[in-house]
Amino acid sequence: MSRAERPIGVELFAGVGGMSLGFEEAGFNVVAAFELDEIHVEYHQKNFPRCQTIKADISELNGADVRRLGKLGDRQIDVLFGGSPCQGFSLIGRRDHEDPRSELLFDFARLVDELKPNYFVVENVGGLLIGDAKRFHDDFVALVEAAGYSVCAPWLLKATDFGVPQRRTRVFIVGYKRKLTKPIMPIGSFADATEGSERNGSSLELCPTVWD
């Protein structure tokens, strides 16, 4: 399949492109990415030279800006994705729920409403589902549901389950237009050596270690 035939992806809070890489390897054409940090923008451009990488504050963008700056025209966006700032939710941080960066999750919801992608994916720390932080998750879900989307139950995924030598757990909020197919949560095929090599009665390959 040529790049022109691939489903179109747009990334918010792009960093240097970790999620862009994942979506590209999954067969998407990531055509535009938005990031505030100048250094990250520079390296995203180097990592994805065919992508329009734009330095911008997500809170100050509207859907028309995203289409204009990303040179999207009126093309349908297949997936809008990104990892909004996690400092206010992280269990290893101060979990300051007054952190203004936490509100950027709602700007993501606003852009879902304005851009009307077929699907969206938000990545964040597992702390988003715990304690006072959960209201941010619940309010986000309410906003995108009001915009016409269905939302999967949160996907809490561990990196080691997918062969990545890092004990890191992340939550993924996945939504889709109600007329479209509901995404299915992926199931990892690796096991962390500290947890045994079986899951649900199946024997699994051990996740590689950093030493490996």
C-alpha atoms as a PDB file:
ATOM      1  CA  MET A   1       0.000   0.000   0.000  1.00  0.00           C
ATOM      2  CA  SER A   2       1.389   3.425  -0.952  1.00  0.00           C
ATOM      3  CA  ARG A   3       1.549   6.213   1.630  1.00  0.00           C
ATOM      4  CA  ALA A   4      -1.291   7.992  -0.168  1.00  0.00           C
ATOM      5  CA  GLU A   5      -3.530   4.963   0.378  1.00  0.00           C
ATOM      6  CA  ARG A   6      -2.798   4.555   4.078  1.00  0.00           C
ATOM      7  CA  PRO A   7      -5.226   5.760   6.766  1.00  0.00           C
ATOM      8  CA  ILE A   8      -4.362   9.271   7.942  1.00  0.00           C
ATOM      9  CA  GLY A   9      -3.094  10.004  11.437  1.00  0.00           C
ATOM     10  CA  VAL A  10      -2.550  13.318  13.248  1.00  0.00           C
ATOM     11  CA  GLU A  11      -0.617  13.546  16.518  1.00  0.00           C
ATOM     12  CA  LEU A  12      -1.050  16.066  19.339  1.00  0.00           C
ATOM     13  CA  PHE A  13       1.579  16.550  22.098  1.00  0.00           C
ATOM     14  CA  ALA A  14       3.962  14.807  19.711  1.00  0.00           C
ATOM     15  CA  GLY A  15       7.269  14.953  21.583  1.00  0.00           C
ATOM     16  CA  VAL A  16       9.958  13.450  19.359  1.00  0.00           C
ATOM     17  CA  GLY A  17       7.468  11.027  17.828  1.00  0.00           C
ATOM     18  CA  GLY A  18       7.159   7.854  19.888  1.00  0.00           C
ATOM     19  CA  MET A  19       3.477   7.438  19.081  1.00  0.00           C
ATOM     20  CA  SER A  20       4.039   8.593  15.503  1.00  0.00           C
ATOM     21  CA  LEU A  21       6.514   5.737  15.101  1.00  0.00           C
ATOM     22  CA  GLY A  22       4.010   3.225  16.457  1.00  0.00           C
ATOM     23  CA  PHE A  23       1.239   4.387  14.163  1.00  0.00           C
ATOM     24  CA  GLU A  24       3.551   4.512  11.152  1.00  0.00           C
ATOM     25  CA  GLU A  25       4.680   0.937  11.827  1.00  0.00           C
ATOM     26  CA  ALA A  26       1.026  -0.082  12.164  1.00  0.00           C
ATOM     27  CA  GLY A  27       0.363   1.172   8.630  1.00  0.00           C
ATOM     28  CA  PHE A  28      -0.817   4.739   9.131  1.00  0.00           C
ATOM     29  CA  ASN A  29       0.388   7.826   7.309  1.00  0.00           C
ATOM     30  CA  VAL A  30       1.049  10.381  10.051  1.00  0.00           C
ATOM     31  CA  VAL A  31       0.685  13.583   8.077  1.00  0.00           C
ATOM     32  CA  ALA A  32       0.772  16.223  10.822  1.00  0.00           C
ATOM     33  CA  ALA A  33       2.077  16.540  14.375  1.00  0.00           C
ATOM     34  CA  PHE A  34       1.826  19.367  16.902  1.00  0.00           C
ATOM     35  CA  GLU A  35       4.221  20.003  19.779  1.00  0.00           C
ATOM     36  CA  LEU A  36       5.079  23.036  21.929  1.00  0.00           C
ATOM     37  CA  ASP A  37       8.706  22.293  22.853  1.00  0.00           C
ATOM     38  CA  GLU A  38      11.077  23.647  20.216  1.00  0.00           C
ATOM     39  CA  ILE A  39      13.718  20.931  20.660  1.00  0.00           C
ATOM     40  CA  HIS A  40      11.119  18.184  20.356  1.00  0.00           C
ATOM     41  CA  VAL A  41       9.756  19.806  17.206  1.00  0.00           C
ATOM     42  CA  GLU A  42      13.238  19.854  15.693  1.00  0.00           C
ATOM     43  CA  TYR A  43      13.784  16.160  16.354  1.00  0.00           C
ATOM     44  CA  HIS A  44      10.290  15.130  15.293  1.00  0.00           C
ATOM     45  CA  GLN A  45      10.990  16.829  11.959  1.00  0.00           C
ATOM     46  CA  LYS A  46      14.219  14.869  11.638  1.00  0.00           C
ATOM     47  CA  ASN A  47      12.557  11.598  12.599  1.00  0.00           C
ATOM     48  CA  PHE A  48       9.554  12.089  10.287  1.00  0.00           C
ATOM     49  CA  PRO A  49      10.606  14.285   7.368  1.00  0.00           C
ATOM     50  CA  ARG A  50       7.385  13.590   5.422  1.00  0.00           C
ATOM     51  CA  CYS A  51       5.209  14.779   8.294  1.00  0.00           C
ATOM     52  CA  GLN A  52       4.203  18.407   8.834  1.00  0.00           C
ATOM     53  CA  THR A  53       5.558  19.039  12.345  1.00  0.00           C
ATOM     54  CA  ILE A  54       4.286  22.299  13.811  1.00  0.00           C
ATOM     55  CA  LYS A  55       5.372  24.159  16.950  1.00  0.00           C
ATOM     56  CA  ALA A  56       2.114  25.158  18.599  1.00  0.00           C
ATOM     57  CA  ASP A  57       0.288  25.390  21.905  1.00  0.00           C
ATOM     58  CA  ILE A  58      -2.585  22.890  21.676  1.00  0.00           C
ATOM     59  CA  SER A  59      -4.734  25.053  23.956  1.00  0.00           C
ATOM     60  CA  GLU A  60      -4.586  27.878  21.407  1.00  0.00           C
ATOM     61  CA  LEU A  61      -5.417  25.770  18.320  1.00  0.00           C
ATOM     62  CA  ASN A  62      -8.823  25.119  16.846  1.00  0.00           C
ATOM     63  CA  GLY A  63      -9.774  22.510  14.284  1.00  0.00           C
ATOM     64  CA  ALA A  64      -9.400  24.947  11.390  1.00  0.00           C
ATOM     65  CA  ASP A  65      -5.857  25.783  12.561  1.00  0.00           C
ATOM     66  CA  VAL A  66      -4.935  22.088  12.663  1.00  0.00           C
ATOM     67  CA  ARG A  67      -6.194  21.576   9.118  1.00  0.00           C
ATOM     68  CA  ARG A  68      -4.476  24.695   7.788  1.00  0.00           C
ATOM     69  CA  LEU A  69      -1.116  24.270   9.521  1.00  0.00           C
ATOM     70  CA  GLY A  70      -1.052  20.525   8.903  1.00  0.00           C
ATOM     71  CA  LYS A  71      -1.981  21.018   5.231  1.00  0.00           C
ATOM     72  CA  LEU A  72      -4.867  18.606   5.673  1.00  0.00           C
ATOM     73  CA  GLY A  73      -7.453  20.429   3.625  1.00  0.00           C
ATOM     74  CA  ASP A  74     -10.794  18.685   3.949  1.00  0.00           C
ATOM     75  CA  ARG A  75      -9.341  15.160   4.144  1.00  0.00           C
ATOM     76  CA  GLN A  76     -10.932  12.856   6.685  1.00  0.00           C
ATOM     77  CA  ILE A  77      -8.662  12.149   9.659  1.00  0.00           C
ATOM     78  CA  ASP A  78      -8.741   8.449  10.449  1.00  0.00           C
ATOM     79  CA  VAL A  79      -7.149   8.732  13.884  1.00  0.00           C
ATOM     80  CA  LEU A  80      -6.241  11.635  16.156  1.00  0.00           C
ATOM     81  CA  PHE A  81      -3.798  10.534  18.834  1.00  0.00           C
ATOM     82  CA  GLY A  82      -1.425  11.789  21.475  1.00  0.00           C
ATOM     83  CA  GLY A  83      -0.224  11.693  25.052  1.00  0.00           C
ATOM     84  CA  SER A  84      -1.302  14.788  26.962  1.00  0.00           C
ATOM     85  CA  PRO A  85       0.896  15.986  29.873  1.00  0.00           C
ATOM     86  CA  CYS A  86       0.864  13.537  32.787  1.00  0.00           C
ATOM     87  CA  GLN A  87       2.559  15.510  35.577  1.00  0.00           C
ATOM     88  CA  GLY A  88      -0.689  16.150  37.436  1.00  0.00           C
ATOM     89  CA  PHE A  89      -1.669  12.470  37.363  1.00  0.00           C
ATOM     90  CA  SER A  90       1.619  10.594  37.821  1.00  0.00           C
ATOM     91  CA  LEU A  91       1.927   8.486  40.954  1.00  0.00           C
ATOM     92  CA  ILE A  92       5.643   9.259  41.191  1.00  0.00           C
ATOM     93  CA  GLY A  93       5.106  13.017  40.972  1.00  0.00           C
ATOM     94  CA  ARG A  94       3.351  15.546  43.199  1.00  0.00           C
ATOM     95  CA  ARG A  95      -0.079  14.715  41.688  1.00  0.00           C
ATOM     96  CA  ASP A  96      -1.014  18.379  41.791  1.00  0.00           C
ATOM     97  CA  HIS A  97      -4.534  18.389  40.406  1.00  0.00           C
ATOM     98  CA  GLU A  98      -4.309  22.158  40.069  1.00  0.00           C
ATOM     99  CA  ASP A  99      -1.515  21.719  37.513  1.00  0.00           C
ATOM    100  CA  PRO A 100      -2.797  23.680  34.500  1.00  0.00           C
ATOM    101  CA  ARG A 101      -1.248  21.151  32.111  1.00  0.00           C
ATOM    102  CA  SER A 102      -3.869  18.610  33.212  1.00  0.00           C
ATOM    103  CA  GLU A 103      -6.534  20.740  31.516  1.00  0.00           C
ATOM    104  CA  LEU A 104      -4.906  20.031  28.135  1.00  0.00           C
ATOM    105  CA  LEU A 105      -6.730  16.697  28.182  1.00  0.00           C
ATOM    106  CA  PHE A 106      -9.913  18.709  27.635  1.00  0.00           C
ATOM    107  CA  ASP A 107      -8.331  20.561  24.698  1.00  0.00           C
ATOM    108  CA  PHE A 108      -7.794  17.153  23.137  1.00  0.00           C
ATOM    109  CA  ALA A 109     -11.515  16.464  23.609  1.00  0.00           C
ATOM    110  CA  ARG A 110     -12.364  19.837  22.058  1.00  0.00           C
ATOM    111  CA  LEU A 111     -10.260  19.065  18.991  1.00  0.00           C
ATOM    112  CA  VAL A 112     -11.898  15.651  18.663  1.00  0.00           C
ATOM    113  CA  ASP A 113     -15.215  17.498  18.455  1.00  0.00           C
ATOM    114  CA  GLU A 114     -13.908  20.053  15.945  1.00  0.00           C
ATOM    115  CA  LEU A 115     -11.919  17.689  13.705  1.00  0.00           C
ATOM    116  CA  LYS A 116     -14.308  14.715  13.823  1.00  0.00           C
ATOM    117  CA  PRO A 117     -11.680  11.951  13.329  1.00  0.00           C
ATOM    118  CA  ASN A 118     -13.007   8.440  12.838  1.00  0.00           C
ATOM    119  CA  TYR A 119     -11.053   7.268  15.887  1.00  0.00           C
ATOM    120  CA  PHE A 120      -8.967   8.810  18.650  1.00  0.00           C
ATOM    121  CA  VAL A 121      -6.357   7.443  21.071  1.00  0.00           C
ATOM    122  CA  VAL A 122      -5.123   9.179  24.223  1.00  0.00           C
ATOM    123  CA  GLU A 123      -2.166   7.781  26.174  1.00  0.00           C
ATOM    124  CA  ASN A 124      -1.422   8.708  29.775  1.00  0.00           C
ATOM    125  CA  VAL A 125      -0.187   7.318  33.077  1.00  0.00           C
ATOM    126  CA  GLY A 126      -2.221   4.790  35.032  1.00  0.00           C
ATOM    127  CA  GLY A 127      -2.679   7.394  37.776  1.00  0.00           C
ATOM    128  CA  LEU A 128      -5.313   9.020  35.581  1.00  0.00           C
ATOM    129  CA  LEU A 129      -7.721   6.314  36.774  1.00  0.00           C
ATOM    130  CA  ILE A 130      -6.966   6.674  40.492  1.00  0.00           C
ATOM    131  CA  GLY A 131      -8.338   8.984  43.173  1.00  0.00           C
ATOM    132  CA  ASP A 132      -9.117  12.600  42.420  1.00  0.00           C
ATOM    133  CA  ALA A 133      -7.428  12.365  39.015  1.00  0.00           C
ATOM    134  CA  LYS A 134     -10.179  10.078  37.755  1.00  0.00           C
ATOM    135  CA  ARG A 135     -12.514  13.035  37.396  1.00  0.00           C
ATOM    136  CA  PHE A 136     -10.319  14.236  34.532  1.00  0.00           C
ATOM    137  CA  HIS A 137     -10.819  10.891  32.801  1.00  0.00           C
ATOM    138  CA  ASP A 138     -14.552  10.906  33.474  1.00  0.00           C
ATOM    139  CA  ASP A 139     -15.004  14.505  32.311  1.00  0.00           C
ATOM    140  CA  PHE A 140     -12.982  13.787  29.165  1.00  0.00           C
ATOM    141  CA  VAL A 141     -15.172  10.783  28.357  1.00  0.00           C
ATOM    142  CA  ALA A 142     -18.310  12.859  28.904  1.00  0.00           C
ATOM    143  CA  LEU A 143     -17.047  15.525  26.493  1.00  0.00           C
ATOM    144  CA  VAL A 144     -16.241  13.146  23.640  1.00  0.00           C
ATOM    145  CA  GLU A 145     -19.443  11.169  24.161  1.00  0.00           C
ATOM    146  CA  ALA A 146     -21.364  14.434  23.823  1.00  0.00           C
ATOM    147  CA  ALA A 147     -19.468  14.982  20.549  1.00  0.00           C
ATOM    148  CA  GLY A 148     -20.862  11.716  19.154  1.00  0.00           C
ATOM    149  CA  TYR A 149     -18.234   9.144  20.107  1.00  0.00           C
ATOM    150  CA  SER A 150     -18.317   5.838  21.912  1.00  0.00           C
ATOM    151  CA  VAL A 151     -15.404   5.175  24.271  1.00  0.00           C
ATOM    152  CA  CYS A 152     -13.905   1.794  25.134  1.00  0.00           C
ATOM    153  CA  ALA A 153     -13.336   0.865  28.753  1.00  0.00           C
ATOM    154  CA  PRO A 154      -9.795   2.073  29.608  1.00  0.00           C
ATOM    155  CA  TRP A 155      -7.001  -0.105  28.224  1.00  0.00           C
ATOM    156  CA  LEU A 156      -4.331  -0.518  30.913  1.00  0.00           C
ATOM    157  CA  LEU A 157      -1.342  -1.992  29.082  1.00  0.00           C
ATOM    158  CA  LYS A 158       2.063  -3.084  30.394  1.00  0.00           C
ATOM    159  CA  ALA A 159       5.112  -2.629  28.197  1.00  0.00           C
ATOM    160  CA  THR A 160       6.600  -5.978  29.230  1.00  0.00           C
ATOM    161  CA  ASP A 161       3.496  -7.790  27.907  1.00  0.00           C
ATOM    162  CA  PHE A 162       4.481  -6.585  24.450  1.00  0.00           C
ATOM    163  CA  GLY A 163       8.165  -7.437  24.540  1.00  0.00           C
ATOM    164  CA  VAL A 164       9.500  -4.057  25.716  1.00  0.00           C
ATOM    165  CA  PRO A 165      12.116  -4.401  28.500  1.00  0.00           C
ATOM    166  CA  GLN A 166      10.561  -1.768  30.735  1.00  0.00           C
ATOM    167  CA  ARG A 167       8.116  -2.193  33.626  1.00  0.00           C
ATOM    168  CA  ARG A 168       5.872   0.651  32.553  1.00  0.00           C
ATOM    169  CA  THR A 169       2.073   0.649  32.622  1.00  0.00           C
ATOM    170  CA  ARG A 170       0.041   3.134  30.614  1.00  0.00           C
ATOM    171  CA  VAL A 171      -3.647   3.776  30.128  1.00  0.00           C
ATOM    172  CA  PHE A 172      -5.075   4.220  26.638  1.00  0.00           C
ATOM    173  CA  ILE A 173      -8.433   5.921  26.098  1.00  0.00           C
ATOM    174  CA  VAL A 174      -9.782   4.802  22.732  1.00  0.00           C
ATOM    175  CA  GLY A 175     -12.874   6.253  21.085  1.00  0.00           C
ATOM    176  CA  TYR A 176     -14.671   5.827  17.786  1.00  0.00           C
ATOM    177  CA  LYS A 177     -17.592   7.232  15.850  1.00  0.00           C
ATOM    178  CA  ARG A 178     -20.643   5.247  16.797  1.00  0.00           C
ATOM    179  CA  LYS A 179     -21.238   3.923  13.283  1.00  0.00           C
ATOM    180  CA  LEU A 180     -17.725   2.444  13.081  1.00  0.00           C
ATOM    181  CA  THR A 181     -16.216  -0.811  14.342  1.00  0.00           C
ATOM    182  CA  LYS A 182     -15.281  -0.884  18.014  1.00  0.00           C
ATOM    183  CA  PRO A 183     -11.512  -1.399  18.495  1.00  0.00           C
ATOM    184  CA  ILE A 184     -10.387  -4.459  20.416  1.00  0.00           C
ATOM    185  CA  MET A 185      -7.822  -4.155  23.193  1.00  0.00           C
ATOM    186  CA  PRO A 186      -4.558  -5.864  22.211  1.00  0.00           C
ATOM    187  CA  ILE A 187      -3.338  -8.789  24.297  1.00  0.00           C
ATOM    188  CA  GLY A 188       0.395  -9.067  24.883  1.00  0.00           C
ATOM    189  CA  SER A 189       2.224 -12.278  24.096  1.00  0.00           C
ATOM    190  CA  PHE A 190       5.163 -11.885  26.499  1.00  0.00           C
ATOM    191  CA  ALA A 191       5.566 -12.420  30.231  1.00  0.00           C
ATOM    192  CA  ASP A 192       7.658 -10.581  32.796  1.00  0.00           C
ATOM    193  CA  ALA A 193      10.077 -13.102  34.328  1.00  0.00           C
ATOM    194  CA  THR A 194       9.174 -11.857  37.823  1.00  0.00           C
ATOM    195  CA  GLU A 195       5.503 -12.756  37.243  1.00  0.00           C
ATOM    196  CA  GLY A 196       5.933 -16.241  35.766  1.00  0.00           C
ATOM    197  CA  SER A 197       5.650 -17.408  32.175  1.00  0.00           C
ATOM    198  CA  GLU A 198       1.969 -18.299  32.072  1.00  0.00           C
ATOM    199  CA  ARG A 199      -1.175 -16.225  31.592  1.00  0.00           C
ATOM    200  CA  ASN A 200      -4.701 -17.586  31.407  1.00  0.00           C
ATOM    201  CA  GLY A 201      -3.292 -21.098  31.137  1.00  0.00           C
ATOM    202  CA  SER A 202      -1.053 -20.267  28.164  1.00  0.00           C
ATOM    203  CA  SER A 203       2.736 -20.467  28.191  1.00  0.00           C
ATOM    204  CA  LEU A 204       4.329 -17.206  27.071  1.00  0.00           C
ATOM    205  CA  GLU A 205       7.737 -16.140  25.844  1.00  0.00           C
ATOM    206  CA  LEU A 206       9.660 -14.187  28.460  1.00  0.00           C
ATOM    207  CA  CYS A 207      10.028 -10.496  27.775  1.00  0.00           C
ATOM    208  CA  PRO A 208      13.592  -9.551  26.788  1.00  0.00           C
ATOM    209  CA  THR A 209      15.595  -7.739  29.460  1.00  0.00           C
ATOM    210  CA  VAL A 210      17.813  -4.702  29.094  1.00  0.00           C
ATOM    211  CA  TRP A 211      20.738  -7.090  29.532  1.00  0.00           C
ATOM    212  CA  ASP A 212      19.461  -9.131  26.536  1.00  0.00           C
END
